Amino acid sequence: MTDTRTPTILPDLSQQLASLQAMIDRLTADNAALRAAPVTALKCKITDKGALSIYGLGQWPITLYRSQWDRLIPFIPEIKAFILTNAAQLTVKAPKA
């Protein structure tokens, strides 16, 4: 009696392994590049309610309405002077890497 069944052919797993290893290597390199990237630049975004949010200063955005920005922007020289006058009392936080 002869065996007429088609033999089971196993897939070539070495090609799949090489493909997966290449993917892991690429993702590892991408991850390292993201960790080594410089501090994120500041970004502006308009919220759904029409406020202006500034991203990139900390964990949370700074969000003010236009009237608040209009009051704050002319006050910037006073803020700078206050920072210089009180520099010894102010803490400087390094950005998160």
C-alpha atoms as a PDB file:
ATOM      1  CA  MET A   1       0.000   0.000   0.000  1.00  0.00           C
ATOM      2  CA  THR A   2       1.401   3.373  -0.944  1.00  0.00           C
ATOM      3  CA  ASP A   3       0.815   6.613   0.881  1.00  0.00           C
ATOM      4  CA  THR A   4      -1.133   8.986  -1.398  1.00  0.00           C
ATOM      5  CA  ARG A   5      -1.422  11.846   1.098  1.00  0.00           C
ATOM      6  CA  THR A   6       0.331  15.102   0.246  1.00  0.00           C
ATOM      7  CA  PRO A   7       3.235  15.582   2.596  1.00  0.00           C
ATOM      8  CA  THR A   8       2.970  18.515   4.982  1.00  0.00           C
ATOM      9  CA  ILE A   9       5.488  21.160   4.057  1.00  0.00           C
ATOM     10  CA  LEU A  10       6.626  23.332   6.929  1.00  0.00           C
ATOM     11  CA  PRO A  11       7.124  27.003   6.118  1.00  0.00           C
ATOM     12  CA  ASP A  12      10.641  28.364   6.004  1.00  0.00           C
ATOM     13  CA  LEU A  13      10.736  29.935   9.462  1.00  0.00           C
ATOM     14  CA  SER A  14      14.253  31.290   9.008  1.00  0.00           C
ATOM     15  CA  GLN A  15      12.964  33.951   6.595  1.00  0.00           C
ATOM     16  CA  GLN A  16      10.232  34.997   9.027  1.00  0.00           C
ATOM     17  CA  LEU A  17      12.773  35.055  11.862  1.00  0.00           C
ATOM     18  CA  ALA A  18      15.104  37.281   9.841  1.00  0.00           C
ATOM     19  CA  SER A  19      12.211  39.611   8.982  1.00  0.00           C
ATOM     20  CA  LEU A  20      11.134  39.878  12.622  1.00  0.00           C
ATOM     21  CA  GLN A  21      14.724  40.445  13.768  1.00  0.00           C
ATOM     22  CA  ALA A  22      15.096  43.256  11.221  1.00  0.00           C
ATOM     23  CA  MET A  23      11.869  44.810  12.529  1.00  0.00           C
ATOM     24  CA  ILE A  24      13.117  44.584  16.125  1.00  0.00           C
ATOM     25  CA  ASP A  25      16.432  46.174  15.127  1.00  0.00           C
ATOM     26  CA  ARG A  26      14.641  49.009  13.312  1.00  0.00           C
ATOM     27  CA  LEU A  27      12.287  49.676  16.229  1.00  0.00           C
ATOM     28  CA  THR A  28      15.170  49.574  18.704  1.00  0.00           C
ATOM     29  CA  ALA A  29      17.050  52.148  16.614  1.00  0.00           C
ATOM     30  CA  ASP A  30      13.932  54.330  16.350  1.00  0.00           C
ATOM     31  CA  ASN A  31      13.445  54.135  20.116  1.00  0.00           C
ATOM     32  CA  ALA A  32      17.068  55.118  20.761  1.00  0.00           C
ATOM     33  CA  ALA A  33      16.755  58.047  18.351  1.00  0.00           C
ATOM     34  CA  LEU A  34      13.617  59.291  20.101  1.00  0.00           C
ATOM     35  CA  ARG A  35      15.304  59.090  23.500  1.00  0.00           C
ATOM     36  CA  ALA A  36      18.337  61.006  22.208  1.00  0.00           C
ATOM     37  CA  ALA A  37      16.267  63.660  20.424  1.00  0.00           C
ATOM     38  CA  PRO A  38      16.677  67.231  21.637  1.00  0.00           C
ATOM     39  CA  VAL A  39      14.034  68.854  23.787  1.00  0.00           C
ATOM     40  CA  THR A  40      10.779  69.254  21.920  1.00  0.00           C
ATOM     41  CA  ALA A  41      10.243  72.629  20.299  1.00  0.00           C
ATOM     42  CA  LEU A  42       7.350  74.737  21.476  1.00  0.00           C
ATOM     43  CA  LYS A  43       4.113  74.261  19.546  1.00  0.00           C
ATOM     44  CA  CYS A  44       0.915  76.285  19.394  1.00  0.00           C
ATOM     45  CA  LYS A  45      -2.558  74.836  19.069  1.00  0.00           C
ATOM     46  CA  ILE A  46      -6.042  76.333  19.100  1.00  0.00           C
ATOM     47  CA  THR A  47      -8.361  74.425  21.437  1.00  0.00           C
ATOM     48  CA  ASP A  48     -11.948  73.479  20.656  1.00  0.00           C
ATOM     49  CA  LYS A  49     -13.108  76.416  22.814  1.00  0.00           C
ATOM     50  CA  GLY A  50     -10.885  78.909  20.982  1.00  0.00           C
ATOM     51  CA  ALA A  51      -8.039  79.250  23.471  1.00  0.00           C
ATOM     52  CA  LEU A  52      -4.338  79.178  22.578  1.00  0.00           C
ATOM     53  CA  SER A  53      -2.321  76.323  24.075  1.00  0.00           C
ATOM     54  CA  ILE A  54       1.486  76.286  24.135  1.00  0.00           C
ATOM     55  CA  TYR A  55       2.961  72.781  24.240  1.00  0.00           C
ATOM     56  CA  GLY A  56       6.532  71.814  25.095  1.00  0.00           C
ATOM     57  CA  LEU A  57       7.160  73.633  28.368  1.00  0.00           C
ATOM     58  CA  GLY A  58       6.179  70.805  30.671  1.00  0.00           C
ATOM     59  CA  GLN A  59       3.899  67.840  31.008  1.00  0.00           C
ATOM     60  CA  TRP A  60       0.789  69.961  30.454  1.00  0.00           C
ATOM     61  CA  PRO A  61       0.191  72.807  27.995  1.00  0.00           C
ATOM     62  CA  ILE A  62      -0.159  76.450  28.991  1.00  0.00           C
ATOM     63  CA  THR A  63      -3.626  77.479  27.798  1.00  0.00           C
ATOM     64  CA  LEU A  64      -4.976  81.027  27.808  1.00  0.00           C
ATOM     65  CA  TYR A  65      -7.675  82.854  25.878  1.00  0.00           C
ATOM     66  CA  ARG A  66      -6.687  85.671  23.523  1.00  0.00           C
ATOM     67  CA  SER A  67      -7.656  88.389  26.010  1.00  0.00           C
ATOM     68  CA  GLN A  68      -5.358  86.766  28.571  1.00  0.00           C
ATOM     69  CA  TRP A  69      -2.456  86.570  26.067  1.00  0.00           C
ATOM     70  CA  ASP A  70      -3.113  90.218  25.141  1.00  0.00           C
ATOM     71  CA  ARG A  71      -2.637  91.168  28.814  1.00  0.00           C
ATOM     72  CA  LEU A  72       0.361  88.887  29.375  1.00  0.00           C
ATOM     73  CA  ILE A  73       2.502  89.701  26.319  1.00  0.00           C
ATOM     74  CA  PRO A  74       3.042  93.403  27.176  1.00  0.00           C
ATOM     75  CA  PHE A  75       3.967  92.318  30.718  1.00  0.00           C
ATOM     76  CA  ILE A  76       6.879  90.126  29.516  1.00  0.00           C
ATOM     77  CA  PRO A  77       9.571  92.793  30.182  1.00  0.00           C
ATOM     78  CA  GLU A  78       8.428  92.977  33.818  1.00  0.00           C
ATOM     79  CA  ILE A  79       8.527  89.182  34.066  1.00  0.00           C
ATOM     80  CA  LYS A  80      12.078  89.129  32.677  1.00  0.00           C
ATOM     81  CA  ALA A  81      13.174  91.827  35.120  1.00  0.00           C
ATOM     82  CA  PHE A  82      11.574  89.956  38.016  1.00  0.00           C
ATOM     83  CA  ILE A  83      13.361  86.738  36.985  1.00  0.00           C
ATOM     84  CA  LEU A  84      16.720  88.536  36.836  1.00  0.00           C
ATOM     85  CA  THR A  85      16.157  90.231  40.192  1.00  0.00           C
ATOM     86  CA  ASN A  86      15.134  86.981  41.890  1.00  0.00           C
ATOM     87  CA  ALA A  87      17.376  84.540  39.990  1.00  0.00           C
ATOM     88  CA  ALA A  88      19.040  83.283  43.178  1.00  0.00           C
ATOM     89  CA  GLN A  89      15.690  82.207  44.633  1.00  0.00           C
ATOM     90  CA  LEU A  90      14.345  80.577  41.480  1.00  0.00           C
ATOM     91  CA  THR A  91      14.842  76.898  40.746  1.00  0.00           C
ATOM     92  CA  VAL A  92      16.026  75.871  37.289  1.00  0.00           C
ATOM     93  CA  LYS A  93      14.632  72.531  36.175  1.00  0.00           C
ATOM     94  CA  ALA A  94      16.470  70.614  33.501  1.00  0.00           C
ATOM     95  CA  PRO A  95      14.195  69.370  30.716  1.00  0.00           C
ATOM     96  CA  LYS A  96      13.289  65.690  30.826  1.00  0.00           C
ATOM     97  CA  ALA A  97      15.341  63.571  28.518  1.00  0.00           C
END
